[in-house]
Amino acid sequence: MANWCNNTVVFEGTDEAIEQITQLFKSMADKEQKEDCGQLPDFVQDTHGDYFYNISQDNESTGVFQYETKWSPNTEVVKQIAEHFKVAFTHEYEELGCLVYGKATFEDGTLTETCLDSQDFESYELDEETDIYHFEGKEYDSEWEILETLLERKIENQLNSIKI
């Protein structure tokens, strides 16, 4: 049984391109319901099993989609979709059972991906008796704020190292 990686992707581009992507995801979601299996766009050449499962669209925001993948994100497939429709994207993903938490951006033909590593996950701990997380001398009810802080720092460090 696969561990499911939760993915959210936000596409940015022309209204026409976003509408085409919306129709693509709607079509994949409908086909998944009928066939009961993961989906890929017809134009994507997949070699890693990076299928989309449980696809849904954020009805509040245009170009925002949620879905699951097995074990890890499918950023390369999302990149192929973006290239096909000539759009940019931000892809956030997490599967904490496999210590996967990260963010990828694609803009002007450049993919930048940042994800936490095992050292990041070891930098905080859970007190199982109190169900409180401890990180840098502070207490947290949830690990999500800690993970976001760690990821933001890593992204900032990457940006600073590029500027140097």
Protein backbone atom coordinates (compact mmCIF):
# COMPACT_ATOMS: atom_id res chain seq x y z
CA MET A 1 0.00 0.00 0.00
CA ALA A 2 1.39 3.37 -1.01
CA ASN A 3 1.91 6.28 1.32
CA TRP A 4 -0.03 9.16 -0.19
CA CYS A 5 1.72 12.45 -0.89
CA ASN A 6 -0.60 15.46 -0.70
CA ASN A 7 -0.03 18.01 -3.45
CA THR A 8 -1.32 21.50 -4.15
CA VAL A 9 -0.39 23.23 -7.38
CA VAL A 10 -1.18 26.80 -8.36
CA PHE A 11 -0.82 27.61 -12.05
CA GLU A 12 -0.31 31.19 -13.23
CA GLY A 13 -0.70 32.35 -16.80
CA THR A 14 -3.19 33.75 -19.27
CA ASP A 15 -6.89 33.26 -18.57
CA GLU A 16 -7.09 31.05 -21.65
CA ALA A 17 -4.24 28.79 -20.51
CA ILE A 18 -5.66 28.49 -17.00
CA GLU A 19 -9.06 27.56 -18.44
CA GLN A 20 -7.42 24.86 -20.59
CA ILE A 21 -5.61 23.50 -17.52
CA THR A 22 -8.86 23.57 -15.56
CA GLN A 23 -10.55 21.52 -18.27
CA LEU A 24 -7.59 19.11 -18.32
CA PHE A 25 -7.79 18.51 -14.55
CA LYS A 26 -11.59 18.21 -14.69
CA SER A 27 -11.25 15.64 -17.46
CA MET A 28 -8.62 13.68 -15.52
CA ALA A 29 -10.79 13.76 -12.38
CA ASP A 30 -13.82 12.49 -14.30
CA LYS A 31 -11.78 9.75 -15.97
CA GLU A 32 -10.30 8.73 -12.60
CA GLN A 33 -13.81 8.34 -11.18
CA LYS A 34 -14.88 6.13 -14.09
CA GLU A 35 -11.72 4.01 -14.33
CA ASP A 36 -10.76 4.00 -10.64
CA CYS A 37 -7.07 4.56 -11.42
CA GLY A 38 -4.54 7.38 -11.48
CA GLN A 39 -4.37 9.74 -14.42
CA LEU A 40 -1.89 11.61 -16.59
CA PRO A 41 -2.48 14.07 -19.41
CA ASP A 42 -2.22 12.43 -22.84
CA PHE A 43 0.78 14.57 -23.79
CA VAL A 44 2.86 13.55 -20.74
CA GLN A 45 5.42 10.80 -21.15
CA ASP A 46 5.56 9.14 -17.74
CA THR A 47 8.24 6.69 -16.75
CA HIS A 48 7.98 6.88 -12.96
CA GLY A 49 4.32 6.18 -12.17
CA ASP A 50 3.72 9.82 -11.20
CA TYR A 51 -0.03 9.60 -11.64
CA PHE A 52 -2.61 12.03 -10.25
CA TYR A 53 -5.16 10.57 -7.78
CA ASN A 54 -8.14 12.11 -5.95
CA ILE A 55 -7.96 15.26 -8.04
CA SER A 56 -9.96 18.27 -6.90
CA GLN A 57 -10.07 21.95 -7.71
CA ASP A 58 -10.18 24.84 -5.27
CA ASN A 59 -13.48 26.42 -6.30
CA GLU A 60 -12.53 29.67 -4.56
CA SER A 61 -9.37 30.22 -6.61
CA THR A 62 -8.72 29.83 -10.31
CA GLY A 63 -5.83 27.55 -11.29
CA VAL A 64 -5.50 25.85 -7.89
CA PHE A 65 -5.67 22.05 -7.72
CA GLN A 66 -5.22 19.44 -5.00
CA TYR A 67 -4.40 15.81 -5.60
CA GLU A 68 -2.44 12.86 -4.28
CA THR A 69 0.50 10.91 -5.64
CA LYS A 70 2.14 7.74 -4.41
CA TRP A 71 5.04 8.31 -1.99
CA SER A 72 6.49 11.48 -3.51
CA PRO A 73 5.47 14.55 -5.55
CA ASN A 74 5.20 14.50 -9.33
CA THR A 75 6.90 17.83 -9.98
CA GLU A 76 8.35 16.74 -13.33
CA VAL A 77 4.87 15.93 -14.63
CA VAL A 78 3.54 19.28 -13.38
CA LYS A 79 6.48 20.92 -15.18
CA GLN A 80 5.50 19.17 -18.43
CA ILE A 81 1.95 20.51 -18.03
CA ALA A 82 3.29 24.02 -17.42
CA GLU A 83 5.56 23.84 -20.45
CA HIS A 84 2.72 22.52 -22.61
CA PHE A 85 0.43 25.43 -21.67
CA LYS A 86 3.24 28.02 -21.28
CA VAL A 87 2.42 28.88 -17.66
CA ALA A 88 4.21 29.17 -14.33
CA PHE A 89 3.38 27.23 -11.17
CA THR A 90 3.97 26.82 -7.46
CA HIS A 91 3.78 23.22 -6.25
CA GLU A 92 3.63 22.44 -2.52
CA TYR A 93 3.70 18.86 -1.27
CA GLU A 94 3.99 16.73 1.86
CA GLU A 95 4.09 13.11 2.88
CA LEU A 96 5.40 13.06 6.42
CA GLY A 97 5.55 9.25 6.69
CA CYS A 98 8.39 9.34 4.16
CA LEU A 99 9.77 12.67 5.47
CA VAL A 100 8.74 14.56 2.33
CA TYR A 101 7.90 18.25 2.65
CA GLY A 102 8.73 20.84 0.03
CA LYS A 103 7.91 23.42 -2.57
CA ALA A 104 8.75 23.80 -6.24
CA THR A 105 8.34 26.84 -8.45
CA PHE A 106 8.53 27.07 -12.21
CA GLU A 107 8.85 30.44 -13.87
CA ASP A 108 10.43 31.61 -17.12
CA GLY A 109 11.55 28.05 -17.89
CA THR A 110 13.39 27.61 -14.59
CA LEU A 111 12.39 24.97 -12.03
CA THR A 112 13.46 25.63 -8.44
CA GLU A 113 12.73 22.95 -5.86
CA THR A 114 13.36 23.06 -2.14
CA CYS A 115 12.56 20.25 0.27
CA LEU A 116 13.39 19.40 3.83
CA ASP A 117 15.89 16.66 4.60
CA SER A 118 16.23 14.24 7.50
CA GLN A 119 18.30 16.77 9.52
CA ASP A 120 15.43 19.24 9.30
CA PHE A 121 12.97 16.66 10.61
CA GLU A 122 15.39 15.82 13.44
CA SER A 123 15.61 19.48 14.53
CA TYR A 124 12.36 19.28 16.50
CA GLU A 125 10.76 16.67 18.69
CA LEU A 126 7.38 15.59 19.94
CA ASP A 127 6.74 15.03 23.65
CA GLU A 128 4.34 12.11 23.31
CA GLU A 129 3.06 12.49 26.89
CA THR A 130 1.91 16.08 26.35
CA ASP A 131 1.47 15.93 22.54
CA ILE A 132 3.52 19.15 22.31
CA TYR A 133 6.29 19.78 19.76
CA HIS A 134 9.54 21.40 20.89
CA PHE A 135 11.61 23.48 18.48
CA GLU A 136 14.30 26.05 19.23
CA GLY A 137 13.15 26.52 22.82
CA LYS A 138 9.50 27.03 21.95
CA GLU A 139 6.43 24.81 22.20
CA TYR A 140 4.02 24.11 19.35
CA ASP A 141 0.69 22.28 19.24
CA SER A 142 1.37 21.13 15.67
CA GLU A 143 4.42 20.44 13.55
CA TRP A 144 3.03 22.34 10.53
CA GLU A 145 4.26 25.75 11.69
CA ILE A 146 7.70 24.27 12.39
CA LEU A 147 7.87 22.64 8.96
CA GLU A 148 6.84 25.85 7.22
CA THR A 149 9.48 27.82 9.17
CA LEU A 150 12.18 25.32 8.23
CA LEU A 151 11.17 25.36 4.57
CA GLU A 152 11.03 29.18 4.43
CA ARG A 153 14.56 29.35 5.91
CA LYS A 154 15.86 26.85 3.38
CA ILE A 155 14.30 28.80 0.49
CA GLU A 156 15.77 32.05 1.81
CA ASN A 157 19.22 30.42 2.14
CA GLN A 158 19.00 29.18 -1.45
CA LEU A 159 18.07 32.65 -2.69
CA ASN A 160 20.92 34.22 -0.72
CA SER A 161 23.45 31.71 -2.08
CA ILE A 162 22.32 32.51 -5.64
CA LYS A 163 22.81 36.26 -5.05
CA ILE A 164 26.37 35.81 -3.79
